[in-house]
Amino acid sequence: MKAEKNYIEITAEALPLFCPTPNQPLWNAHPRVAIPVEKLGIASCPYCGATFKLKGELPKGHH
């Protein structure tokens, strides 16, 4: 059985981003991992495959 991948849009206010997100059911949780969506505007979780897309402009930082 293949798991369906999630597609989640986020805004810059949600950064830094971690998966699992707070609204994910506990029974379906995996180890907490940082998702570097701010680098390219889109990134996927290596555990559950959820794809996160940054809505709006990429944040401007001093790095």
PDB file of N, CA and C in Angstrom:
ATOM      1  N   MET A   1       0.849  -1.181   0.000  1.00  0.00           N
ATOM      2  CA  MET A   1       0.000   0.000   0.000  1.00  0.00           C
ATOM      3  C   MET A   1       0.891   1.239   0.000  1.00  0.00           C
ATOM      4  N   LYS A   2       0.715   2.093  -0.959  1.00  0.00           N
ATOM      5  CA  LYS A   2       1.528   3.294  -1.087  1.00  0.00           C
ATOM      6  C   LYS A   2       0.827   4.455  -0.389  1.00  0.00           C
ATOM      7  N   ALA A   3       1.587   5.173   0.451  1.00  0.00           N
ATOM      8  CA  ALA A   3       1.017   6.305   1.177  1.00  0.00           C
ATOM      9  C   ALA A   3       0.826   7.486   0.239  1.00  0.00           C
ATOM     10  N   GLU A   4      -0.266   8.193   0.431  1.00  0.00           N
ATOM     11  CA  GLU A   4      -0.527   9.393  -0.355  1.00  0.00           C
ATOM     12  C   GLU A   4       0.314  10.535   0.197  1.00  0.00           C
ATOM     13  N   LYS A   5       0.988  11.256  -0.674  1.00  0.00           N
ATOM     14  CA  LYS A   5       1.829  12.362  -0.240  1.00  0.00           C
ATOM     15  C   LYS A   5       0.974  13.599   0.007  1.00  0.00           C
ATOM     16  N   ASN A   6       1.359  14.331   1.043  1.00  0.00           N
ATOM     17  CA  ASN A   6       0.672  15.568   1.383  1.00  0.00           C
ATOM     18  C   ASN A   6       1.336  16.729   0.673  1.00  0.00           C
ATOM     19  N   TYR A   7       0.552  17.740   0.340  1.00  0.00           N
ATOM     20  CA  TYR A   7       1.060  18.976  -0.244  1.00  0.00           C
ATOM     21  C   TYR A   7       0.570  20.093   0.661  1.00  0.00           C
ATOM     22  N   ILE A   8       1.516  20.838   1.243  1.00  0.00           N
ATOM     23  CA  ILE A   8       1.149  21.839   2.233  1.00  0.00           C
ATOM     24  C   ILE A   8       1.766  23.180   1.855  1.00  0.00           C
ATOM     25  N   GLU A   9       0.939  24.217   1.720  1.00  0.00           N
ATOM     26  CA  GLU A   9       1.449  25.562   1.470  1.00  0.00           C
ATOM     27  C   GLU A   9       1.658  26.256   2.807  1.00  0.00           C
ATOM     28  N   ILE A  10       2.808  26.936   2.928  1.00  0.00           N
ATOM     29  CA  ILE A  10       3.111  27.663   4.154  1.00  0.00           C
ATOM     30  C   ILE A  10       3.524  29.083   3.797  1.00  0.00           C
ATOM     31  N   THR A  11       3.532  29.957   4.790  1.00  0.00           N
ATOM     32  CA  THR A  11       4.004  31.323   4.601  1.00  0.00           C
ATOM     33  C   THR A  11       5.291  31.512   5.394  1.00  0.00           C
ATOM     34  N   ALA A  12       5.967  32.612   5.182  1.00  0.00           N
ATOM     35  CA  ALA A  12       7.231  32.893   5.857  1.00  0.00           C
ATOM     36  C   ALA A  12       7.064  32.922   7.376  1.00  0.00           C
ATOM     37  N   GLU A  13       5.880  33.198   7.864  1.00  0.00           N
ATOM     38  CA  GLU A  13       5.637  33.215   9.311  1.00  0.00           C
ATOM     39  C   GLU A  13       5.811  31.839   9.944  1.00  0.00           C
ATOM     40  N   ALA A  14       5.712  30.769   9.156  1.00  0.00           N
ATOM     41  CA  ALA A  14       5.843  29.406   9.671  1.00  0.00           C
ATOM     42  C   ALA A  14       7.302  28.957   9.776  1.00  0.00           C
ATOM     43  N   LEU A  15       8.229  29.796   9.355  1.00  0.00           N
ATOM     44  CA  LEU A  15       9.646  29.435   9.387  1.00  0.00           C
ATOM     45  C   LEU A  15      10.253  29.712  10.742  1.00  0.00           C
ATOM     46  N   PRO A  16      11.193  28.952  11.229  1.00  0.00           N
ATOM     47  CA  PRO A  16      11.709  27.750  10.591  1.00  0.00           C
ATOM     48  C   PRO A  16      10.669  26.633  10.622  1.00  0.00           C
ATOM     49  N   LEU A  17      10.700  25.797   9.615  1.00  0.00           N
ATOM     50  CA  LEU A  17       9.691  24.754   9.438  1.00  0.00           C
ATOM     51  C   LEU A  17      10.228  23.401   9.882  1.00  0.00           C
ATOM     52  N   PHE A  18       9.385  22.680  10.615  1.00  0.00           N
ATOM     53  CA  PHE A  18       9.722  21.330  11.062  1.00  0.00           C
ATOM     54  C   PHE A  18       8.576  20.386  10.723  1.00  0.00           C
ATOM     55  N   CYS A  19       8.919  19.140  10.469  1.00  0.00           N
ATOM     56  CA  CYS A  19       7.926  18.099  10.240  1.00  0.00           C
ATOM     57  C   CYS A  19       8.223  16.996  11.248  1.00  0.00           C
ATOM     58  N   PRO A  20       7.238  16.423  11.902  1.00  0.00           N
ATOM     59  CA  PRO A  20       5.819  16.627  11.686  1.00  0.00           C
ATOM     60  C   PRO A  20       5.349  17.979  12.215  1.00  0.00           C
ATOM     61  N   THR A  21       4.328  18.485  11.574  1.00  0.00           N
ATOM     62  CA  THR A  21       3.743  19.754  11.991  1.00  0.00           C
ATOM     63  C   THR A  21       2.865  19.529  13.216  1.00  0.00           C
ATOM     64  N   PRO A  22       2.586  20.575  13.991  1.00  0.00           N
ATOM     65  CA  PRO A  22       1.780  20.414  15.210  1.00  0.00           C
ATOM     66  C   PRO A  22       0.391  19.812  14.980  1.00  0.00           C
ATOM     67  N   ASN A  23      -0.177  19.978  13.778  1.00  0.00           N
ATOM     68  CA  ASN A  23      -1.528  19.457  13.541  1.00  0.00           C
ATOM     69  C   ASN A  23      -1.544  18.021  13.022  1.00  0.00           C
ATOM     70  N   GLN A  24      -0.387  17.376  12.908  1.00  0.00           N
ATOM     71  CA  GLN A  24      -0.333  15.980  12.468  1.00  0.00           C
ATOM     72  C   GLN A  24      -0.753  15.062  13.616  1.00  0.00           C
ATOM     73  N   PRO A  25      -1.568  14.056  13.337  1.00  0.00           N
ATOM     74  CA  PRO A  25      -1.992  13.123  14.390  1.00  0.00           C
ATOM     75  C   PRO A  25      -0.801  12.409  15.024  1.00  0.00           C
ATOM     76  N   LEU A  26      -0.832  12.233  16.319  1.00  0.00           N
ATOM     77  CA  LEU A  26       0.261  11.610  17.053  1.00  0.00           C
ATOM     78  C   LEU A  26       0.548  10.194  16.575  1.00  0.00           C
ATOM     79  N   TRP A  27      -0.484   9.436  16.212  1.00  0.00           N
ATOM     80  CA  TRP A  27      -0.289   8.058  15.786  1.00  0.00           C
ATOM     81  C   TRP A  27       0.519   7.978  14.494  1.00  0.00           C
ATOM     82  N   ASN A  28       0.558   9.068  13.731  1.00  0.00           N
ATOM     83  CA  ASN A  28       1.228   9.078  12.441  1.00  0.00           C
ATOM     84  C   ASN A  28       2.541   9.860  12.497  1.00  0.00           C
ATOM     85  N   ALA A  29       3.061  10.114  13.698  1.00  0.00           N
ATOM     86  CA  ALA A  29       4.241  10.949  13.862  1.00  0.00           C
ATOM     87  C   ALA A  29       5.531  10.197  13.517  1.00  0.00           C
ATOM     88  N   HIS A  30       6.553  10.963  13.210  1.00  0.00           N
ATOM     89  CA  HIS A  30       7.890  10.441  12.947  1.00  0.00           C
ATOM     90  C   HIS A  30       8.878  11.378  13.638  1.00  0.00           C
ATOM     91  N   PRO A  31      10.174  11.063  13.652  1.00  0.00           N
ATOM     92  CA  PRO A  31      11.130  11.968  14.300  1.00  0.00           C
ATOM     93  C   PRO A  31      11.060  13.376  13.709  1.00  0.00           C
ATOM     94  N   ARG A  32      11.255  14.376  14.547  1.00  0.00           N
ATOM     95  CA  ARG A  32      11.176  15.774  14.117  1.00  0.00           C
ATOM     96  C   ARG A  32      12.392  16.116  13.250  1.00  0.00           C
ATOM     97  N   VAL A  33      12.147  16.732  12.107  1.00  0.00           N
ATOM     98  CA  VAL A  33      13.204  17.074  11.170  1.00  0.00           C
ATOM     99  C   VAL A  33      12.949  18.479  10.620  1.00  0.00           C
ATOM    100  N   ALA A  34      14.025  19.248  10.463  1.00  0.00           N
ATOM    101  CA  ALA A  34      13.915  20.578   9.870  1.00  0.00           C
ATOM    102  C   ALA A  34      13.722  20.441   8.360  1.00  0.00           C
ATOM    103  N   ILE A  35      12.842  21.255   7.802  1.00  0.00           N
ATOM    104  CA  ILE A  35      12.571  21.242   6.363  1.00  0.00           C
ATOM    105  C   ILE A  35      13.081  22.569   5.795  1.00  0.00           C
ATOM    106  N   PRO A  36      14.116  22.555   4.955  1.00  0.00           N
ATOM    107  CA  PRO A  36      14.730  23.790   4.448  1.00  0.00           C
ATOM    108  C   PRO A  36      13.978  24.402   3.264  1.00  0.00           C
ATOM    109  N   VAL A  37      12.703  24.671   3.445  1.00  0.00           N
ATOM    110  CA  VAL A  37      11.870  25.184   2.361  1.00  0.00           C
ATOM    111  C   VAL A  37      12.291  26.591   1.928  1.00  0.00           C
ATOM    112  N   GLU A  38      12.959  27.336   2.808  1.00  0.00           N
ATOM    113  CA  GLU A  38      13.346  28.706   2.471  1.00  0.00           C
ATOM    114  C   GLU A  38      14.462  28.771   1.427  1.00  0.00           C
ATOM    115  N   LYS A  39      15.155  27.680   1.200  1.00  0.00           N
ATOM    116  CA  LYS A  39      16.256  27.681   0.227  1.00  0.00           C
ATOM    117  C   LYS A  39      15.764  27.744  -1.215  1.00  0.00           C
ATOM    118  N   LEU A  40      14.794  26.907  -1.567  1.00  0.00           N
ATOM    119  CA  LEU A  40      14.309  26.836  -2.948  1.00  0.00           C
ATOM    120  C   LEU A  40      12.834  27.192  -3.100  1.00  0.00           C
ATOM    121  N   GLY A  41      12.133  27.335  -1.967  1.00  0.00           N
ATOM    122  CA  GLY A  41      10.707  27.620  -2.029  1.00  0.00           C
ATOM    123  C   GLY A  41       9.848  26.371  -1.989  1.00  0.00           C
ATOM    124  N   ILE A  42      10.485  25.191  -2.078  1.00  0.00           N
ATOM    125  CA  ILE A  42       9.764  23.922  -1.996  1.00  0.00           C
ATOM    126  C   ILE A  42      10.720  22.874  -1.445  1.00  0.00           C
ATOM    127  N   ALA A  43      10.211  21.996  -0.590  1.00  0.00           N
ATOM    128  CA  ALA A  43      11.029  20.927  -0.013  1.00  0.00           C
ATOM    129  C   ALA A  43      10.114  19.827   0.498  1.00  0.00           C
ATOM    130  N   SER A  44      10.659  18.620   0.578  1.00  0.00           N
ATOM    131  CA  SER A  44       9.882  17.471   1.047  1.00  0.00           C
ATOM    132  C   SER A  44      10.502  16.874   2.298  1.00  0.00           C
ATOM    133  N   CYS A  45       9.657  16.282   3.116  1.00  0.00           N
ATOM    134  CA  CYS A  45      10.097  15.598   4.324  1.00  0.00           C
ATOM    135  C   CYS A  45      10.674  14.246   3.930  1.00  0.00           C
ATOM    136  N   PRO A  46      11.880  13.916   4.424  1.00  0.00           N
ATOM    137  CA  PRO A  46      12.466  12.625   4.076  1.00  0.00           C
ATOM    138  C   PRO A  46      11.766  11.432   4.734  1.00  0.00           C
ATOM    139  N   TYR A  47      10.967  11.672   5.769  1.00  0.00           N
ATOM    140  CA  TYR A  47      10.266  10.583   6.461  1.00  0.00           C
ATOM    141  C   TYR A  47       8.904  10.281   5.852  1.00  0.00           C
ATOM    142  N   CYS A  48       8.054  11.302   5.762  1.00  0.00           N
ATOM    143  CA  CYS A  48       6.674  11.045   5.330  1.00  0.00           C
ATOM    144  C   CYS A  48       6.402  11.475   3.891  1.00  0.00           C
ATOM    145  N   GLY A  49       7.330  12.217   3.290  1.00  0.00           N
ATOM    146  CA  GLY A  49       7.147  12.627   1.906  1.00  0.00           C
ATOM    147  C   GLY A  49       6.272  13.844   1.718  1.00  0.00           C
ATOM    148  N   ALA A  50       5.816  14.458   2.811  1.00  0.00           N
ATOM    149  CA  ALA A  50       5.000  15.667   2.682  1.00  0.00           C
ATOM    150  C   ALA A  50       5.813  16.727   1.947  1.00  0.00           C
ATOM    151  N   THR A  51       5.178  17.395   0.994  1.00  0.00           N
ATOM    152  CA  THR A  51       5.846  18.441   0.226  1.00  0.00           C
ATOM    153  C   THR A  51       5.340  19.785   0.711  1.00  0.00           C
ATOM    154  N   PHE A  52       6.279  20.636   1.091  1.00  0.00           N
ATOM    155  CA  PHE A  52       5.961  21.965   1.595  1.00  0.00           C
ATOM    156  C   PHE A  52       6.350  22.996   0.547  1.00  0.00           C
ATOM    157  N   LYS A  53       5.443  23.917   0.238  1.00  0.00           N
ATOM    158  CA  LYS A  53       5.703  24.981  -0.729  1.00  0.00           C
ATOM    159  C   LYS A  53       5.503  26.315  -0.039  1.00  0.00           C
ATOM    160  N   LEU A  54       6.490  27.175  -0.175  1.00  0.00           N
ATOM    161  CA  LEU A  54       6.434  28.497   0.431  1.00  0.00           C
ATOM    162  C   LEU A  54       5.570  29.402  -0.432  1.00  0.00           C
ATOM    163  N   LYS A  55       4.531  29.946   0.169  1.00  0.00           N
ATOM    164  CA  LYS A  55       3.606  30.839  -0.513  1.00  0.00           C
ATOM    165  C   LYS A  55       4.105  32.265  -0.342  1.00  0.00           C
ATOM    166  N   GLY A  56       4.236  33.001  -1.410  1.00  0.00           N
ATOM    167  CA  GLY A  56       4.733  34.368  -1.319  1.00  0.00           C
ATOM    168  C   GLY A  56       6.227  34.410  -1.597  1.00  0.00           C
ATOM    169  N   GLU A  57       6.855  35.499  -1.208  1.00  0.00           N
ATOM    170  CA  GLU A  57       8.278  35.688  -1.476  1.00  0.00           C
ATOM    171  C   GLU A  57       9.149  34.864  -0.531  1.00  0.00           C
ATOM    172  N   LEU A  58      10.308  34.480  -1.057  1.00  0.00           N
ATOM    173  CA  LEU A  58      11.285  33.821  -0.200  1.00  0.00           C
ATOM    174  C   LEU A  58      11.798  34.837   0.805  1.00  0.00           C
ATOM    175  N   PRO A  59      11.992  34.427   2.055  1.00  0.00           N
ATOM    176  CA  PRO A  59      12.479  35.376   3.044  1.00  0.00           C
ATOM    177  C   PRO A  59      13.891  35.837   2.721  1.00  0.00           C
ATOM    178  N   LYS A  60      14.151  37.107   2.996  1.00  0.00           N
ATOM    179  CA  LYS A  60      15.479  37.672   2.767  1.00  0.00           C
ATOM    180  C   LYS A  60      16.213  37.691   4.091  1.00  0.00           C
ATOM    181  N   GLY A  61      17.370  37.038   4.134  1.00  0.00           N
ATOM    182  CA  GLY A  61      18.135  36.965   5.362  1.00  0.00           C
ATOM    183  C   GLY A  61      19.546  37.503   5.159  1.00  0.00           C
ATOM    184  N   HIS A  62      20.339  37.416   6.174  1.00  0.00           N
ATOM    185  CA  HIS A  62      21.703  37.899   6.072  1.00  0.00           C
ATOM    186  C   HIS A  62      22.698  36.759   5.884  1.00  0.00           C
ATOM    187  N   HIS A  63      22.248  35.622   5.373  1.00  0.00           N
ATOM    188  CA  HIS A  63      23.166  34.495   5.131  1.00  0.00           C
ATOM    189  C   HIS A  63      23.483  34.383   3.672  1.00  0.00           C
TER     190      HIS A  63
END
